[in-house]
């Protein structure tokens, strides 16, 4: 099975709201799948501070990279293993060296100014 070599971003819906930025508290709805289509995780309202230490690099680059997501936006991220969990196995659902596929809908962005 061939592996992804780089992060791929596909915007399904372009958001009109506030843009995600480093250090912001985001709320998103997401589904995470493996290459075979099996779902390893999903949430209706997942909150996380978007920083390089709190999320996998694929999320960090895919949510606030060159083209930050905006509230109301929906995006697919195809994350190569080296920007996911790499050689680590995560629980019994994510094998080592797994490419990860996410559909993310950005529901809210809170920054320190709010």
PDB file of N, CA and C in Angstrom:
ATOM      1  N   UNK A   1       0.845  -1.192   0.000  1.00  0.00           N
ATOM      2  CA  UNK A   1       0.000   0.000   0.000  1.00  0.00           C
ATOM      3  C   UNK A   1       0.885   1.248   0.000  1.00  0.00           C
ATOM      4  N   UNK A   2       0.596   2.154  -0.903  1.00  0.00           N
ATOM      5  CA  UNK A   2       1.423   3.357  -0.973  1.00  0.00           C
ATOM      6  C   UNK A   2       0.999   4.328   0.124  1.00  0.00           C
ATOM      7  N   UNK A   3       1.984   5.026   0.624  1.00  0.00           N
ATOM      8  CA  UNK A   3       1.710   5.984   1.696  1.00  0.00           C
ATOM      9  C   UNK A   3       1.731   7.404   1.149  1.00  0.00           C
ATOM     10  N   UNK A   4       1.022   8.270   1.824  1.00  0.00           N
ATOM     11  CA  UNK A   4       1.049   9.690   1.480  1.00  0.00           C
ATOM     12  C   UNK A   4       2.456  10.227   1.725  1.00  0.00           C
ATOM     13  N   UNK A   5       2.857  11.181   0.901  1.00  0.00           N
ATOM     14  CA  UNK A   5       4.161  11.804   1.103  1.00  0.00           C
ATOM     15  C   UNK A   5       4.029  13.224   1.637  1.00  0.00           C
ATOM     16  N   UNK A   6       2.848  13.814   1.478  1.00  0.00           N
ATOM     17  CA  UNK A   6       2.655  15.176   1.987  1.00  0.00           C
ATOM     18  C   UNK A   6       1.210  15.374   2.414  1.00  0.00           C
ATOM     19  N   UNK A   7       1.021  16.394   3.231  1.00  0.00           N
ATOM     20  CA  UNK A   7      -0.316  16.766   3.693  1.00  0.00           C
ATOM     21  C   UNK A   7      -1.142  17.246   2.506  1.00  0.00           C
ATOM     22  N   UNK A   8      -2.366  16.719   2.389  1.00  0.00           N
ATOM     23  CA  UNK A   8      -3.269  17.183   1.349  1.00  0.00           C
ATOM     24  C   UNK A   8      -4.507  17.786   2.004  1.00  0.00           C
ATOM     25  N   UNK A   9      -4.882  18.968   1.523  1.00  0.00           N
ATOM     26  CA  UNK A   9      -6.010  19.712   2.079  1.00  0.00           C
ATOM     27  C   UNK A   9      -7.054  19.897   0.984  1.00  0.00           C
ATOM     28  N   UNK A  10      -8.278  19.542   1.293  1.00  0.00           N
ATOM     29  CA  UNK A  10      -9.371  19.721   0.344  1.00  0.00           C
ATOM     30  C   UNK A  10     -10.505  20.450   1.053  1.00  0.00           C
ATOM     31  N   UNK A  11     -10.768  21.686   0.625  1.00  0.00           N
ATOM     32  CA  UNK A  11     -11.872  22.442   1.218  1.00  0.00           C
ATOM     33  C   UNK A  11     -13.185  21.990   0.599  1.00  0.00           C
ATOM     34  N   UNK A  12     -14.107  21.564   1.445  1.00  0.00           N
ATOM     35  CA  UNK A  12     -15.445  21.174   1.005  1.00  0.00           C
ATOM     36  C   UNK A  12     -16.339  22.405   1.036  1.00  0.00           C
ATOM     37  N   UNK A  13     -16.250  23.155   2.127  1.00  0.00           N
ATOM     38  CA  UNK A  13     -16.993  24.404   2.296  1.00  0.00           C
ATOM     39  C   UNK A  13     -16.019  25.443   2.834  1.00  0.00           C
ATOM     40  N   UNK A  14     -16.001  26.620   2.228  1.00  0.00           N
ATOM     41  CA  UNK A  14     -15.151  27.705   2.726  1.00  0.00           C
ATOM     42  C   UNK A  14     -15.931  28.450   3.804  1.00  0.00           C
ATOM     43  N   UNK A  15     -15.342  28.570   4.981  1.00  0.00           N
ATOM     44  CA  UNK A  15     -16.013  29.270   6.068  1.00  0.00           C
ATOM     45  C   UNK A  15     -16.021  30.772   5.856  1.00  0.00           C
ATOM     46  N   UNK A  16     -16.981  31.424   6.501  1.00  0.00           N
ATOM     47  CA  UNK A  16     -17.115  32.880   6.393  1.00  0.00           C
ATOM     48  C   UNK A  16     -16.757  33.565   7.710  1.00  0.00           C
ATOM     49  N   UNK A  17     -16.581  32.770   8.762  1.00  0.00           N
ATOM     50  CA  UNK A  17     -16.379  33.346  10.092  1.00  0.00           C
ATOM     51  C   UNK A  17     -14.917  33.608  10.415  1.00  0.00           C
ATOM     52  N   UNK A  18     -14.653  33.647  11.707  1.00  0.00           N
ATOM     53  CA  UNK A  18     -13.325  33.945  12.226  1.00  0.00           C
ATOM     54  C   UNK A  18     -12.322  32.859  11.831  1.00  0.00           C
ATOM     55  N   UNK A  19     -11.119  33.274  11.500  1.00  0.00           N
ATOM     56  CA  UNK A  19     -10.077  32.328  11.092  1.00  0.00           C
ATOM     57  C   UNK A  19      -9.398  31.710  12.306  1.00  0.00           C
ATOM     58  N   UNK A  20      -9.053  30.444  12.178  1.00  0.00           N
ATOM     59  CA  UNK A  20      -8.282  29.762  13.226  1.00  0.00           C
ATOM     60  C   UNK A  20      -6.869  30.330  13.244  1.00  0.00           C
ATOM     61  N   UNK A  21      -6.294  30.447  14.430  1.00  0.00           N
ATOM     62  CA  UNK A  21      -4.923  30.936  14.548  1.00  0.00           C
ATOM     63  C   UNK A  21      -4.230  30.223  15.691  1.00  0.00           C
ATOM     64  N   UNK A  22      -2.921  30.250  15.657  1.00  0.00           N
ATOM     65  CA  UNK A  22      -2.128  29.588  16.685  1.00  0.00           C
ATOM     66  C   UNK A  22      -2.527  30.079  18.066  1.00  0.00           C
ATOM     67  N   UNK A  23      -2.740  29.135  18.984  1.00  0.00           N
ATOM     68  CA  UNK A  23      -3.088  29.484  20.355  1.00  0.00           C
ATOM     69  C   UNK A  23      -4.572  29.672  20.602  1.00  0.00           C
ATOM     70  N   UNK A  24      -5.380  29.653  19.532  1.00  0.00           N
ATOM     71  CA  UNK A  24      -6.829  29.815  19.694  1.00  0.00           C
ATOM     72  C   UNK A  24      -7.441  28.517  20.214  1.00  0.00           C
ATOM     73  N   UNK A  25      -8.530  28.659  20.947  1.00  0.00           N
ATOM     74  CA  UNK A  25      -9.321  27.502  21.371  1.00  0.00           C
ATOM     75  C   UNK A  25     -10.348  27.270  20.277  1.00  0.00           C
ATOM     76  N   UNK A  26     -10.230  26.125  19.609  1.00  0.00           N
ATOM     77  CA  UNK A  26     -11.186  25.837  18.549  1.00  0.00           C
ATOM     78  C   UNK A  26     -12.160  24.760  19.000  1.00  0.00           C
ATOM     79  N   UNK A  27     -13.357  24.823  18.457  1.00  0.00           N
ATOM     80  CA  UNK A  27     -14.347  23.758  18.617  1.00  0.00           C
ATOM     81  C   UNK A  27     -14.636  23.244  17.220  1.00  0.00           C
ATOM     82  N   UNK A  28     -14.525  21.939  17.044  1.00  0.00           N
ATOM     83  CA  UNK A  28     -14.781  21.379  15.732  1.00  0.00           C
ATOM     84  C   UNK A  28     -15.498  20.044  15.841  1.00  0.00           C
ATOM     85  N   UNK A  29     -16.145  19.706  14.746  1.00  0.00           N
ATOM     86  CA  UNK A  29     -16.774  18.399  14.586  1.00  0.00           C
ATOM     87  C   UNK A  29     -15.849  17.655  13.637  1.00  0.00           C
ATOM     88  N   UNK A  30     -15.497  16.424  13.953  1.00  0.00           N
ATOM     89  CA  UNK A  30     -14.599  15.729  13.042  1.00  0.00           C
ATOM     90  C   UNK A  30     -14.819  14.224  13.052  1.00  0.00           C
ATOM     91  N   UNK A  31     -14.339  13.615  11.981  1.00  0.00           N
ATOM     92  CA  UNK A  31     -14.269  12.161  11.872  1.00  0.00           C
ATOM     93  C   UNK A  31     -12.875  11.827  11.373  1.00  0.00           C
ATOM     94  N   UNK A  32     -12.235  10.866  12.025  1.00  0.00           N
ATOM     95  CA  UNK A  32     -10.919  10.407  11.602  1.00  0.00           C
ATOM     96  C   UNK A  32     -11.002   8.982  11.110  1.00  0.00           C
ATOM     97  N   UNK A  33     -10.414   8.737   9.931  1.00  0.00           N
ATOM     98  CA  UNK A  33     -10.437   7.402   9.338  1.00  0.00           C
ATOM     99  C   UNK A  33      -9.032   6.955   8.959  1.00  0.00           C
ATOM    100  N   UNK A  34      -8.877   5.645   8.853  1.00  0.00           N
ATOM    101  CA  UNK A  34      -7.657   5.064   8.324  1.00  0.00           C
ATOM    102  C   UNK A  34      -7.815   4.889   6.816  1.00  0.00           C
ATOM    103  N   UNK A  35      -6.739   4.481   6.146  1.00  0.00           N
ATOM    104  CA  UNK A  35      -6.760   4.325   4.692  1.00  0.00           C
ATOM    105  C   UNK A  35      -7.818   3.327   4.223  1.00  0.00           C
ATOM    106  N   UNK A  36      -8.142   2.335   5.063  1.00  0.00           N
ATOM    107  CA  UNK A  36      -9.145   1.335   4.667  1.00  0.00           C
ATOM    108  C   UNK A  36     -10.578   1.818   4.896  1.00  0.00           C
ATOM    109  N   UNK A  37     -10.714   3.071   5.373  1.00  0.00           N
ATOM    110  CA  UNK A  37     -12.040   3.644   5.576  1.00  0.00           C
ATOM    111  C   UNK A  37     -12.620   3.430   6.966  1.00  0.00           C
ATOM    112  N   UNK A  38     -11.923   2.661   7.813  1.00  0.00           N
ATOM    113  CA  UNK A  38     -12.446   2.429   9.160  1.00  0.00           C
ATOM    114  C   UNK A  38     -12.267   3.684  10.022  1.00  0.00           C
ATOM    115  N   UNK A  39     -13.329   4.005  10.765  1.00  0.00           N
ATOM    116  CA  UNK A  39     -13.314   5.192  11.626  1.00  0.00           C
ATOM    117  C   UNK A  39     -12.585   4.855  12.926  1.00  0.00           C
ATOM    118  N   UNK A  40     -11.572   5.667  13.278  1.00  0.00           N
ATOM    119  CA  UNK A  40     -10.879   5.444  14.551  1.00  0.00           C
ATOM    120  C   UNK A  40     -11.276   6.459  15.603  1.00  0.00           C
ATOM    121  N   UNK A  41     -11.895   7.555  15.194  1.00  0.00           N
ATOM    122  CA  UNK A  41     -12.286   8.562  16.172  1.00  0.00           C
ATOM    123  C   UNK A  41     -13.263   9.535  15.526  1.00  0.00           C
ATOM    124  N   UNK A  42     -14.159  10.084  16.344  1.00  0.00           N
ATOM    125  CA  UNK A  42     -15.037  11.143  15.863  1.00  0.00           C
ATOM    126  C   UNK A  42     -15.571  11.895  17.068  1.00  0.00           C
ATOM    127  N   UNK A  43     -15.977  13.132  16.838  1.00  0.00           N
ATOM    128  CA  UNK A  43     -16.537  13.945  17.908  1.00  0.00           C
ATOM    129  C   UNK A  43     -17.475  14.979  17.295  1.00  0.00           C
ATOM    130  N   UNK A  44     -18.517  15.314  18.047  1.00  0.00           N
ATOM    131  CA  UNK A  44     -19.473  16.325  17.596  1.00  0.00           C
ATOM    132  C   UNK A  44     -19.029  17.735  17.972  1.00  0.00           C
ATOM    133  N   UNK A  45     -18.322  17.866  19.095  1.00  0.00           N
ATOM    134  CA  UNK A  45     -17.889  19.189  19.549  1.00  0.00           C
ATOM    135  C   UNK A  45     -16.584  19.031  20.327  1.00  0.00           C
ATOM    136  N   UNK A  46     -15.488  18.851  19.585  1.00  0.00           N
ATOM    137  CA  UNK A  46     -14.166  18.652  20.169  1.00  0.00           C
ATOM    138  C   UNK A  46     -13.498  20.009  20.353  1.00  0.00           C
ATOM    139  N   UNK A  47     -13.049  20.280  21.581  1.00  0.00           N
ATOM    140  CA  UNK A  47     -12.364  21.546  21.863  1.00  0.00           C
ATOM    141  C   UNK A  47     -10.897  21.285  22.096  1.00  0.00           C
ATOM    142  N   UNK A  48     -10.051  22.095  21.472  1.00  0.00           N
ATOM    143  CA  UNK A  48      -8.604  21.961  21.668  1.00  0.00           C
ATOM    144  C   UNK A  48      -7.953  23.314  21.378  1.00  0.00           C
ATOM    145  N   UNK A  49      -6.874  23.581  22.104  1.00  0.00           N
ATOM    146  CA  UNK A  49      -6.052  24.753  21.786  1.00  0.00           C
ATOM    147  C   UNK A  49      -5.164  24.345  20.623  1.00  0.00           C
ATOM    148  N   UNK A  50      -5.212  25.111  19.543  1.00  0.00           N
ATOM    149  CA  UNK A  50      -4.472  24.738  18.352  1.00  0.00           C
ATOM    150  C   UNK A  50      -3.024  25.218  18.465  1.00  0.00           C
ATOM    151  N   UNK A  51      -2.163  24.288  18.855  1.00  0.00           N
ATOM    152  CA  UNK A  51      -0.736  24.587  18.959  1.00  0.00           C
ATOM    153  C   UNK A  51       0.034  23.340  18.564  1.00  0.00           C
ATOM    154  N   UNK A  52       1.295  23.531  18.231  1.00  0.00           N
ATOM    155  CA  UNK A  52       2.116  22.411  17.755  1.00  0.00           C
ATOM    156  C   UNK A  52       2.274  21.328  18.815  1.00  0.00           C
ATOM    157  N   UNK A  53       2.071  21.684  20.087  1.00  0.00           N
ATOM    158  CA  UNK A  53       2.230  20.694  21.157  1.00  0.00           C
ATOM    159  C   UNK A  53       0.931  19.951  21.476  1.00  0.00           C
ATOM    160  N   UNK A  54      -0.205  20.516  21.118  1.00  0.00           N
ATOM    161  CA  UNK A  54      -1.500  19.945  21.515  1.00  0.00           C
ATOM    162  C   UNK A  54      -2.140  19.042  20.458  1.00  0.00           C
ATOM    163  N   UNK A  55      -1.800  19.265  19.200  1.00  0.00           N
ATOM    164  CA  UNK A  55      -2.410  18.479  18.118  1.00  0.00           C
ATOM    165  C   UNK A  55      -1.318  17.908  17.212  1.00  0.00           C
ATOM    166  N   UNK A  56      -1.675  16.890  16.441  1.00  0.00           N
ATOM    167  CA  UNK A  56      -0.703  16.343  15.492  1.00  0.00           C
ATOM    168  C   UNK A  56      -0.338  17.410  14.460  1.00  0.00           C
ATOM    169  N   UNK A  57       0.852  17.306  13.891  1.00  0.00           N
ATOM    170  CA  UNK A  57       1.320  18.296  12.918  1.00  0.00           C
ATOM    171  C   UNK A  57       0.376  18.433  11.730  1.00  0.00           C
ATOM    172  N   UNK A  58      -0.244  17.322  11.327  1.00  0.00           N
ATOM    173  CA  UNK A  58      -1.175  17.387  10.198  1.00  0.00           C
ATOM    174  C   UNK A  58      -2.355  18.298  10.469  1.00  0.00           C
ATOM    175  N   UNK A  59      -2.833  18.292  11.723  1.00  0.00           N
ATOM    176  CA  UNK A  59      -3.921  19.212  12.096  1.00  0.00           C
ATOM    177  C   UNK A  59      -3.391  20.630  12.187  1.00  0.00           C
ATOM    178  N   UNK A  60      -2.239  20.788  12.818  1.00  0.00           N
ATOM    179  CA  UNK A  60      -1.658  22.119  13.000  1.00  0.00           C
ATOM    180  C   UNK A  60      -1.472  22.807  11.647  1.00  0.00           C
ATOM    181  N   UNK A  61      -0.809  22.104  10.727  1.00  0.00           N
ATOM    182  CA  UNK A  61      -0.567  22.678   9.401  1.00  0.00           C
ATOM    183  C   UNK A  61      -1.852  22.762   8.580  1.00  0.00           C
ATOM    184  N   UNK A  62      -2.729  21.779   8.765  1.00  0.00           N
ATOM    185  CA  UNK A  62      -3.937  21.709   7.949  1.00  0.00           C
ATOM    186  C   UNK A  62      -5.041  22.658   8.374  1.00  0.00           C
ATOM    187  N   UNK A  63      -5.000  23.100   9.623  1.00  0.00           N
ATOM    188  CA  UNK A  63      -6.044  24.015  10.120  1.00  0.00           C
ATOM    189  C   UNK A  63      -5.575  25.462  10.109  1.00  0.00           C
ATOM    190  N   UNK A  64      -4.299  25.706  10.475  1.00  0.00           N
ATOM    191  CA  UNK A  64      -3.847  27.109  10.532  1.00  0.00           C
ATOM    192  C   UNK A  64      -2.654  27.387   9.631  1.00  0.00           C
ATOM    193  N   UNK A  65      -2.349  26.487   8.707  1.00  0.00           N
ATOM    194  CA  UNK A  65      -1.196  26.671   7.820  1.00  0.00           C
ATOM    195  C   UNK A  65      -1.344  27.856   6.884  1.00  0.00           C
ATOM    196  N   UNK A  66      -0.950  27.666   5.622  1.00  0.00           N
ATOM    197  CA  UNK A  66      -0.962  28.757   4.634  1.00  0.00           C
ATOM    198  C   UNK A  66      -2.358  29.304   4.377  1.00  0.00           C
ATOM    199  N   UNK A  67      -3.362  28.473   4.588  1.00  0.00           N
ATOM    200  CA  UNK A  67      -4.738  28.865   4.293  1.00  0.00           C
ATOM    201  C   UNK A  67      -5.619  28.481   5.490  1.00  0.00           C
ATOM    202  N   UNK A  68      -5.621  29.319   6.551  1.00  0.00           N
ATOM    203  CA  UNK A  68      -6.335  28.943   7.778  1.00  0.00           C
ATOM    204  C   UNK A  68      -7.826  28.697   7.549  1.00  0.00           C
ATOM    205  N   UNK A  69      -8.346  27.696   8.261  1.00  0.00           N
ATOM    206  CA  UNK A  69      -9.784  27.442   8.219  1.00  0.00           C
ATOM    207  C   UNK A  69     -10.518  28.589   8.893  1.00  0.00           C
ATOM    208  N   UNK A  70     -11.751  28.823   8.441  1.00  0.00           N
ATOM    209  CA  UNK A  70     -12.612  29.819   9.075  1.00  0.00           C
ATOM    210  C   UNK A  70     -13.862  29.121   9.592  1.00  0.00           C
ATOM    211  N   UNK A  71     -14.462  29.712  10.622  1.00  0.00           N
ATOM    212  CA  UNK A  71     -15.673  29.144  11.211  1.00  0.00           C
ATOM    213  C   UNK A  71     -16.722  28.938  10.118  1.00  0.00           C
ATOM    214  N   UNK A  72     -17.338  27.774  10.154  1.00  0.00           N
ATOM    215  CA  UNK A  72     -18.323  27.415   9.140  1.00  0.00           C
ATOM    216  C   UNK A  72     -17.722  26.583   8.019  1.00  0.00           C
ATOM    217  N   UNK A  73     -16.405  26.510   8.002  1.00  0.00           N
ATOM    218  CA  UNK A  73     -15.721  25.758   6.953  1.00  0.00           C
ATOM    219  C   UNK A  73     -15.664  24.274   7.248  1.00  0.00           C
ATOM    220  N   UNK A  74     -15.611  23.503   6.161  1.00  0.00           N
ATOM    221  CA  UNK A  74     -15.439  22.053   6.239  1.00  0.00           C
ATOM    222  C   UNK A  74     -14.251  21.699   5.375  1.00  0.00           C
ATOM    223  N   UNK A  75     -13.392  20.843   5.900  1.00  0.00           N
ATOM    224  CA  UNK A  75     -12.146  20.537   5.206  1.00  0.00           C
ATOM    225  C   UNK A  75     -11.793  19.076   5.400  1.00  0.00           C
ATOM    226  N   UNK A  76     -11.257  18.490   4.355  1.00  0.00           N
ATOM    227  CA  UNK A  76     -10.690  17.146   4.452  1.00  0.00           C
ATOM    228  C   UNK A  76      -9.182  17.269   4.533  1.00  0.00           C
ATOM    229  N   UNK A  77      -8.597  16.560   5.483  1.00  0.00           N
ATOM    230  CA  UNK A  77      -7.142  16.512   5.608  1.00  0.00           C
ATOM    231  C   UNK A  77      -6.694  15.077   5.398  1.00  0.00           C
ATOM    232  N   UNK A  78      -5.760  14.895   4.473  1.00  0.00           N
ATOM    233  CA  UNK A  78      -5.106  13.598   4.288  1.00  0.00           C
ATOM    234  C   UNK A  78      -3.708  13.767   4.858  1.00  0.00           C
ATOM    235  N   UNK A  79      -3.474  13.100   5.989  1.00  0.00           N
ATOM    236  CA  UNK A  79      -2.272  13.342   6.799  1.00  0.00           C
ATOM    237  C   UNK A  79      -1.315  12.156   6.678  1.00  0.00           C
ATOM    238  N   UNK A  80      -0.114  12.393   6.127  1.00  0.00           N
ATOM    239  CA  UNK A  80       0.859  11.302   6.080  1.00  0.00           C
ATOM    240  C   UNK A  80       1.299  10.930   7.498  1.00  0.00           C
ATOM    241  N   UNK A  81       1.718   9.692   7.665  1.00  0.00           N
ATOM    242  CA  UNK A  81       2.080   9.185   8.996  1.00  0.00           C
ATOM    243  C   UNK A  81       3.074  10.083   9.727  1.00  0.00           C
ATOM    244  N   UNK A  82       4.043  10.647   8.993  1.00  0.00           N
ATOM    245  CA  UNK A  82       5.066  11.471   9.664  1.00  0.00           C
ATOM    246  C   UNK A  82       4.497  12.767  10.225  1.00  0.00           C
ATOM    247  N   UNK A  83       3.301  13.177   9.788  1.00  0.00           N
ATOM    248  CA  UNK A  83       2.637  14.356  10.366  1.00  0.00           C
ATOM    249  C   UNK A  83       1.490  13.934  11.282  1.00  0.00           C
ATOM    250  N   UNK A  84       1.351  12.618  11.488  1.00  0.00           N
ATOM    251  CA  UNK A  84       0.346  12.078  12.398  1.00  0.00           C
ATOM    252  C   UNK A  84       1.045  11.559  13.639  1.00  0.00           C
ATOM    253  N   UNK A  85       0.948  10.247  13.834  1.00  0.00           N
ATOM    254  CA  UNK A  85       1.567   9.638  15.011  1.00  0.00           C
ATOM    255  C   UNK A  85       2.843   8.885  14.686  1.00  0.00           C
ATOM    256  N   UNK A  86       3.261   8.931  13.408  1.00  0.00           N
ATOM    257  CA  UNK A  86       4.526   8.323  13.017  1.00  0.00           C
ATOM    258  C   UNK A  86       4.590   6.843  13.344  1.00  0.00           C
ATOM    259  N   UNK A  87       5.659   6.450  14.002  1.00  0.00           N
ATOM    260  CA  UNK A  87       5.886   5.038  14.291  1.00  0.00           C
ATOM    261  C   UNK A  87       5.160   4.553  15.543  1.00  0.00           C
ATOM    262  N   UNK A  88       4.452   5.478  16.215  1.00  0.00           N
ATOM    263  CA  UNK A  88       3.728   5.075  17.425  1.00  0.00           C
ATOM    264  C   UNK A  88       2.397   4.445  17.076  1.00  0.00           C
ATOM    265  N   UNK A  89       2.063   3.376  17.759  1.00  0.00           N
ATOM    266  CA  UNK A  89       0.718   2.818  17.661  1.00  0.00           C
ATOM    267  C   UNK A  89      -0.117   3.516  18.721  1.00  0.00           C
ATOM    268  N   UNK A  90      -1.337   3.913  18.358  1.00  0.00           N
ATOM    269  CA  UNK A  90      -2.207   4.615  19.298  1.00  0.00           C
ATOM    270  C   UNK A  90      -3.376   3.696  19.635  1.00  0.00           C
ATOM    271  N   UNK A  91      -3.390   3.223  20.859  1.00  0.00           N
ATOM    272  CA  UNK A  91      -4.456   2.320  21.288  1.00  0.00           C
ATOM    273  C   UNK A  91      -4.517   1.091  20.396  1.00  0.00           C
ATOM    274  N   UNK A  92      -5.712   0.563  20.204  1.00  0.00           N
ATOM    275  CA  UNK A  92      -5.845  -0.600  19.336  1.00  0.00           C
ATOM    276  C   UNK A  92      -6.473  -0.218  17.996  1.00  0.00           C
ATOM    277  N   UNK A  93      -6.637   1.088  17.765  1.00  0.00           N
ATOM    278  CA  UNK A  93      -7.313   1.516  16.543  1.00  0.00           C
ATOM    279  C   UNK A  93      -6.377   2.110  15.495  1.00  0.00           C
ATOM    280  N   UNK A  94      -5.242   2.655  15.905  1.00  0.00           N
ATOM    281  CA  UNK A  94      -4.341   3.287  14.942  1.00  0.00           C
ATOM    282  C   UNK A  94      -3.006   2.534  14.946  1.00  0.00           C
ATOM    283  N   UNK A  95      -2.745   1.728  13.902  1.00  0.00           N
ATOM    284  CA  UNK A  95      -1.466   1.035  13.828  1.00  0.00           C
ATOM    285  C   UNK A  95      -0.315   2.014  13.594  1.00  0.00           C
ATOM    286  N   UNK A  96       0.900   1.574  13.873  1.00  0.00           N
ATOM    287  CA  UNK A  96       2.088   2.388  13.600  1.00  0.00           C
ATOM    288  C   UNK A  96       2.145   2.727  12.108  1.00  0.00           C
ATOM    289  N   UNK A  97       2.741   3.874  11.799  1.00  0.00           N
ATOM    290  CA  UNK A  97       2.957   4.312  10.409  1.00  0.00           C
ATOM    291  C   UNK A  97       1.662   4.437   9.601  1.00  0.00           C
ATOM    292  N   UNK A  98       0.589   4.878  10.258  1.00  0.00           N
ATOM    293  CA  UNK A  98      -0.699   5.016   9.563  1.00  0.00           C
ATOM    294  C   UNK A  98      -0.882   6.417   8.992  1.00  0.00           C
ATOM    295  N   UNK A  99      -1.297   6.470   7.717  1.00  0.00           N
ATOM    296  CA  UNK A  99      -1.800   7.723   7.167  1.00  0.00           C
ATOM    297  C   UNK A  99      -3.190   7.919   7.760  1.00  0.00           C
ATOM    298  N   UNK A 100      -3.556   9.168   8.032  1.00  0.00           N
ATOM    299  CA  UNK A 100      -4.828   9.477   8.683  1.00  0.00           C
ATOM    300  C   UNK A 100      -5.645  10.412   7.800  1.00  0.00           C
ATOM    301  N   UNK A 101      -6.944  10.203   7.801  1.00  0.00           N
ATOM    302  CA  UNK A 101      -7.835  10.993   6.954  1.00  0.00           C
ATOM    303  C   UNK A 101      -8.934  11.591   7.827  1.00  0.00           C
ATOM    304  N   UNK A 102      -9.032  12.911   7.791  1.00  0.00           N
ATOM    305  CA  UNK A 102      -9.987  13.606   8.655  1.00  0.00           C
ATOM    306  C   UNK A 102     -10.946  14.444   7.823  1.00  0.00           C
ATOM    307  N   UNK A 103     -12.186  14.502   8.295  1.00  0.00           N
ATOM    308  CA  UNK A 103     -13.109  15.528   7.825  1.00  0.00           C
ATOM    309  C   UNK A 103     -13.386  16.400   9.036  1.00  0.00           C
ATOM    310  N   UNK A 104     -13.112  17.676   8.899  1.00  0.00           N
ATOM    311  CA  UNK A 104     -13.212  18.613  10.025  1.00  0.00           C
ATOM    312  C   UNK A 104     -14.150  19.745   9.653  1.00  0.00           C
ATOM    313  N   UNK A 105     -15.071  20.049  10.559  1.00  0.00           N
ATOM    314  CA  UNK A 105     -15.936  21.221  10.403  1.00  0.00           C
ATOM    315  C   UNK A 105     -15.630  22.148  11.568  1.00  0.00           C
ATOM    316  N   UNK A 106     -15.220  23.364  11.258  1.00  0.00           N
ATOM    317  CA  UNK A 106     -14.843  24.320  12.297  1.00  0.00           C
ATOM    318  C   UNK A 106     -16.091  25.045  12.794  1.00  0.00           C
ATOM    319  N   UNK A 107     -16.390  24.858  14.092  1.00  0.00           N
ATOM    320  CA  UNK A 107     -17.619  25.419  14.675  1.00  0.00           C
ATOM    321  C   UNK A 107     -17.394  26.735  15.395  1.00  0.00           C
ATOM    322  N   UNK A 108     -16.222  26.899  16.020  1.00  0.00           N
ATOM    323  CA  UNK A 108     -15.975  28.119  16.814  1.00  0.00           C
ATOM    324  C   UNK A 108     -14.477  28.337  16.970  1.00  0.00           C
ATOM    325  N   UNK A 109     -14.081  29.583  17.001  1.00  0.00           N
ATOM    326  CA  UNK A 109     -12.700  29.965  17.286  1.00  0.00           C
ATOM    327  C   UNK A 109     -12.721  31.036  18.370  1.00  0.00           C
ATOM    328  N   UNK A 110     -12.044  30.764  19.468  1.00  0.00           N
ATOM    329  CA  UNK A 110     -11.925  31.756  20.545  1.00  0.00           C
ATOM    330  C   UNK A 110     -10.464  32.133  20.699  1.00  0.00           C
ATOM    331  N   UNK A 111     -10.191  33.440  20.640  1.00  0.00           N
ATOM    332  CA  UNK A 111      -8.826  33.927  20.840  1.00  0.00           C
ATOM    333  C   UNK A 111      -8.781  34.761  22.102  1.00  0.00           C
ATOM    334  N   UNK A 112      -7.603  35.146  22.485  1.00  0.00           N
ATOM    335  CA  UNK A 112      -7.446  35.887  23.753  1.00  0.00           C
ATOM    336  C   UNK A 112      -8.192  37.216  23.736  1.00  0.00           C
ATOM    337  N   UNK A 113      -8.437  37.747  22.549  1.00  0.00           N
ATOM    338  CA  UNK A 113      -9.128  39.046  22.453  1.00  0.00           C
ATOM    339  C   UNK A 113     -10.616  38.937  22.747  1.00  0.00           C
ATOM    340  N   UNK A 114     -11.154  37.727  22.677  1.00  0.00           N
ATOM    341  CA  UNK A 114     -12.619  37.565  22.826  1.00  0.00           C
ATOM    342  C   UNK A 114     -13.093  37.778  24.247  1.00  0.00           C
TER     343      UNK A 114
END
